[in-house]
């Protein structure tokens, strides 16, 4: 099975750090990944709402947030 998940900017940056620093930054990495995840979901939410309003569609914010979460999980692998 092939892993087609993309890498987030935070994950890429963490990989660039020297190995001796990584164990000391695990907590900060998790916090940064969660913040980045929320930003990606929020951006997807805003884009979906703008698109739906332009099409005069009725939008459920809860449903759109669920779709944003689904998009993140499918694109970046969700909880790792």
N, C-alpha and C. Protein backbone atom coordinates (compact mmCIF):
# COMPACT_ATOMS: atom_id res chain seq x y z
N UNK A 1 0.84 -1.18 0.00
CA UNK A 1 0.00 0.00 0.00
C UNK A 1 0.89 1.24 0.00
N UNK A 2 0.55 2.20 -0.83
CA UNK A 2 1.33 3.42 -0.95
C UNK A 2 0.73 4.51 -0.08
N UNK A 3 1.60 5.29 0.55
CA UNK A 3 1.14 6.40 1.38
C UNK A 3 1.11 7.65 0.50
N UNK A 4 -0.09 8.13 0.18
CA UNK A 4 -0.25 9.30 -0.66
C UNK A 4 -0.51 10.56 0.15
N UNK A 5 -0.26 10.53 1.43
CA UNK A 5 -0.51 11.68 2.29
C UNK A 5 0.56 12.74 2.06
N UNK A 6 0.14 13.98 2.13
CA UNK A 6 1.08 15.09 2.01
C UNK A 6 1.69 15.39 3.37
N UNK A 7 2.77 16.11 3.35
CA UNK A 7 3.46 16.49 4.58
C UNK A 7 3.13 17.95 4.87
N UNK A 8 2.78 18.25 6.11
CA UNK A 8 2.52 19.64 6.47
C UNK A 8 3.85 20.37 6.62
N UNK A 9 3.77 21.70 6.63
CA UNK A 9 4.98 22.52 6.80
C UNK A 9 5.63 22.27 8.16
N UNK A 10 4.81 22.07 9.19
CA UNK A 10 5.35 21.82 10.53
C UNK A 10 6.10 20.49 10.54
N UNK A 11 5.54 19.46 9.91
CA UNK A 11 6.22 18.17 9.86
C UNK A 11 7.54 18.27 9.10
N UNK A 12 7.53 19.00 8.00
CA UNK A 12 8.75 19.19 7.22
C UNK A 12 9.82 19.89 8.07
N UNK A 13 9.43 20.96 8.75
CA UNK A 13 10.38 21.70 9.57
C UNK A 13 10.97 20.81 10.66
N UNK A 14 10.12 20.01 11.31
CA UNK A 14 10.59 19.11 12.36
C UNK A 14 11.64 18.15 11.81
N UNK A 15 11.43 17.66 10.60
CA UNK A 15 12.39 16.73 9.99
C UNK A 15 13.73 17.41 9.72
N UNK A 16 13.73 18.71 9.52
CA UNK A 16 14.96 19.44 9.21
C UNK A 16 15.81 19.69 10.45
N UNK A 17 15.22 19.58 11.63
CA UNK A 17 15.95 19.84 12.86
C UNK A 17 16.99 18.75 13.13
N UNK A 18 18.07 19.09 13.79
CA UNK A 18 19.03 18.07 14.18
C UNK A 18 18.37 17.04 15.12
N UNK A 19 18.73 15.79 14.97
CA UNK A 19 18.12 14.71 15.75
C UNK A 19 18.22 14.93 17.26
N UNK A 20 19.29 15.56 17.71
CA UNK A 20 19.45 15.76 19.15
C UNK A 20 18.44 16.76 19.72
N UNK A 21 17.84 17.59 18.88
CA UNK A 21 16.84 18.56 19.35
C UNK A 21 15.42 17.97 19.37
N UNK A 22 15.15 17.01 18.52
CA UNK A 22 13.79 16.49 18.34
C UNK A 22 13.14 15.99 19.62
N UNK A 23 13.82 15.21 20.46
CA UNK A 23 13.15 14.74 21.69
C UNK A 23 12.72 15.87 22.61
N UNK A 24 13.42 16.99 22.56
CA UNK A 24 13.11 18.11 23.44
C UNK A 24 11.97 18.98 22.92
N UNK A 25 11.57 18.75 21.67
CA UNK A 25 10.56 19.60 21.05
C UNK A 25 9.27 18.85 20.72
N UNK A 26 9.10 17.65 21.26
CA UNK A 26 7.90 16.84 20.95
C UNK A 26 6.61 17.56 21.34
N UNK A 27 6.58 18.15 22.53
CA UNK A 27 5.39 18.85 23.00
C UNK A 27 5.06 20.03 22.09
N UNK A 28 6.08 20.79 21.74
CA UNK A 28 5.88 21.95 20.86
C UNK A 28 5.45 21.51 19.46
N UNK A 29 6.01 20.40 18.99
CA UNK A 29 5.61 19.87 17.68
C UNK A 29 4.12 19.54 17.68
N UNK A 30 3.66 18.83 18.69
CA UNK A 30 2.24 18.46 18.75
C UNK A 30 1.35 19.71 18.79
N UNK A 31 1.76 20.70 19.55
CA UNK A 31 0.98 21.94 19.64
C UNK A 31 0.97 22.65 18.29
N UNK A 32 2.12 22.73 17.63
CA UNK A 32 2.20 23.38 16.33
C UNK A 32 1.38 22.63 15.28
N UNK A 33 1.41 21.29 15.32
CA UNK A 33 0.62 20.49 14.38
C UNK A 33 -0.87 20.72 14.59
N UNK A 34 -1.30 20.82 15.83
CA UNK A 34 -2.72 21.06 16.12
C UNK A 34 -3.13 22.46 15.64
N UNK A 35 -2.27 23.44 15.86
CA UNK A 35 -2.57 24.80 15.39
C UNK A 35 -2.65 24.83 13.86
N UNK A 36 -1.72 24.16 13.21
CA UNK A 36 -1.70 24.12 11.76
C UNK A 36 -2.95 23.41 11.23
N UNK A 37 -3.32 22.32 11.88
CA UNK A 37 -4.53 21.59 11.49
C UNK A 37 -5.75 22.49 11.56
N UNK A 38 -5.89 23.23 12.65
CA UNK A 38 -7.04 24.13 12.80
C UNK A 38 -7.03 25.21 11.72
N UNK A 39 -5.85 25.71 11.36
CA UNK A 39 -5.75 26.73 10.32
C UNK A 39 -6.16 26.17 8.96
N UNK A 40 -5.75 24.94 8.67
CA UNK A 40 -6.12 24.31 7.40
C UNK A 40 -7.62 24.08 7.34
N UNK A 41 -8.20 23.58 8.42
CA UNK A 41 -9.64 23.33 8.46
C UNK A 41 -10.41 24.64 8.34
N UNK A 42 -9.95 25.68 9.02
CA UNK A 42 -10.61 27.00 8.96
C UNK A 42 -10.54 27.57 7.54
N UNK A 43 -9.41 27.42 6.87
CA UNK A 43 -9.28 27.90 5.50
C UNK A 43 -10.23 27.16 4.57
N UNK A 44 -10.32 25.85 4.75
CA UNK A 44 -11.24 25.05 3.94
C UNK A 44 -12.68 25.46 4.23
N UNK A 45 -12.99 25.71 5.49
CA UNK A 45 -14.33 26.15 5.90
C UNK A 45 -14.68 27.46 5.21
N UNK A 46 -13.78 28.44 5.28
CA UNK A 46 -14.04 29.74 4.67
C UNK A 46 -14.22 29.64 3.16
N UNK A 47 -13.40 28.83 2.51
CA UNK A 47 -13.52 28.66 1.06
C UNK A 47 -14.84 28.00 0.70
N UNK A 48 -15.25 27.01 1.46
CA UNK A 48 -16.51 26.31 1.19
C UNK A 48 -17.70 27.24 1.39
N UNK A 49 -17.67 28.03 2.44
CA UNK A 49 -18.77 28.96 2.70
C UNK A 49 -18.86 30.00 1.59
N UNK A 50 -17.72 30.55 1.17
CA UNK A 50 -17.73 31.55 0.08
C UNK A 50 -18.29 30.93 -1.20
N UNK A 51 -17.87 29.70 -1.49
CA UNK A 51 -18.35 29.02 -2.69
C UNK A 51 -19.85 28.77 -2.61
N UNK A 52 -20.31 28.31 -1.46
CA UNK A 52 -21.74 28.02 -1.28
C UNK A 52 -22.58 29.30 -1.36
N UNK A 53 -22.10 30.37 -0.77
CA UNK A 53 -22.84 31.64 -0.84
C UNK A 53 -22.92 32.13 -2.28
N UNK A 54 -21.83 31.96 -3.01
CA UNK A 54 -21.83 32.37 -4.42
C UNK A 54 -22.81 31.56 -5.24
N UNK A 55 -23.07 30.33 -4.82
CA UNK A 55 -24.02 29.46 -5.52
C UNK A 55 -25.40 29.53 -4.89
N UNK A 56 -25.57 30.46 -3.93
CA UNK A 56 -26.84 30.61 -3.20
C UNK A 56 -27.28 29.32 -2.53
N UNK A 57 -26.32 28.55 -2.03
CA UNK A 57 -26.62 27.29 -1.35
C UNK A 57 -26.76 27.53 0.15
N UNK A 58 -27.59 26.72 0.78
CA UNK A 58 -27.74 26.77 2.23
C UNK A 58 -26.56 26.02 2.86
N UNK A 59 -25.88 26.65 3.82
CA UNK A 59 -24.66 26.08 4.38
C UNK A 59 -24.85 25.80 5.86
N UNK A 60 -24.55 24.57 6.27
CA UNK A 60 -24.49 24.22 7.68
C UNK A 60 -23.03 24.30 8.10
N UNK A 61 -22.72 25.24 8.99
CA UNK A 61 -21.34 25.43 9.42
C UNK A 61 -20.80 24.15 10.05
N UNK A 62 -21.61 23.47 10.83
CA UNK A 62 -21.16 22.22 11.45
C UNK A 62 -20.76 21.20 10.39
N UNK A 63 -21.58 21.07 9.36
CA UNK A 63 -21.29 20.10 8.30
C UNK A 63 -20.02 20.50 7.54
N UNK A 64 -19.88 21.78 7.29
CA UNK A 64 -18.70 22.25 6.57
C UNK A 64 -17.45 22.01 7.40
N UNK A 65 -17.53 22.19 8.73
CA UNK A 65 -16.39 21.90 9.60
C UNK A 65 -16.05 20.42 9.54
N UNK A 66 -17.07 19.57 9.51
CA UNK A 66 -16.83 18.14 9.40
C UNK A 66 -16.11 17.82 8.09
N UNK A 67 -16.53 18.48 7.02
CA UNK A 67 -15.88 18.26 5.73
C UNK A 67 -14.45 18.77 5.74
N UNK A 68 -14.20 19.88 6.44
CA UNK A 68 -12.84 20.40 6.57
C UNK A 68 -11.95 19.43 7.31
N UNK A 69 -12.48 18.84 8.37
CA UNK A 69 -11.75 17.83 9.14
C UNK A 69 -11.46 16.61 8.25
N UNK A 70 -12.46 16.21 7.48
CA UNK A 70 -12.29 15.07 6.58
C UNK A 70 -11.20 15.39 5.54
N UNK A 71 -11.24 16.60 4.99
CA UNK A 71 -10.23 17.01 4.02
C UNK A 71 -8.83 16.93 4.63
N UNK A 72 -8.68 17.44 5.84
CA UNK A 72 -7.37 17.42 6.50
C UNK A 72 -6.90 15.97 6.69
N UNK A 73 -7.77 15.13 7.19
CA UNK A 73 -7.40 13.74 7.47
C UNK A 73 -7.02 13.00 6.19
N UNK A 74 -7.75 13.24 5.11
CA UNK A 74 -7.45 12.57 3.85
C UNK A 74 -6.15 13.11 3.23
N UNK A 75 -5.90 14.40 3.39
CA UNK A 75 -4.74 15.01 2.76
C UNK A 75 -3.46 14.82 3.56
N UNK A 76 -3.56 14.97 4.89
CA UNK A 76 -2.37 14.96 5.72
C UNK A 76 -2.30 13.78 6.68
N UNK A 77 -3.28 12.91 6.64
CA UNK A 77 -3.20 11.69 7.44
C UNK A 77 -3.86 11.78 8.79
N UNK A 78 -4.47 12.89 9.12
CA UNK A 78 -5.18 13.00 10.41
C UNK A 78 -4.28 12.81 11.58
N UNK A 79 -4.79 12.14 12.62
CA UNK A 79 -4.04 11.91 13.84
C UNK A 79 -2.89 10.96 13.55
N UNK A 80 -1.69 11.38 13.93
CA UNK A 80 -0.52 10.53 13.69
C UNK A 80 0.22 10.33 14.98
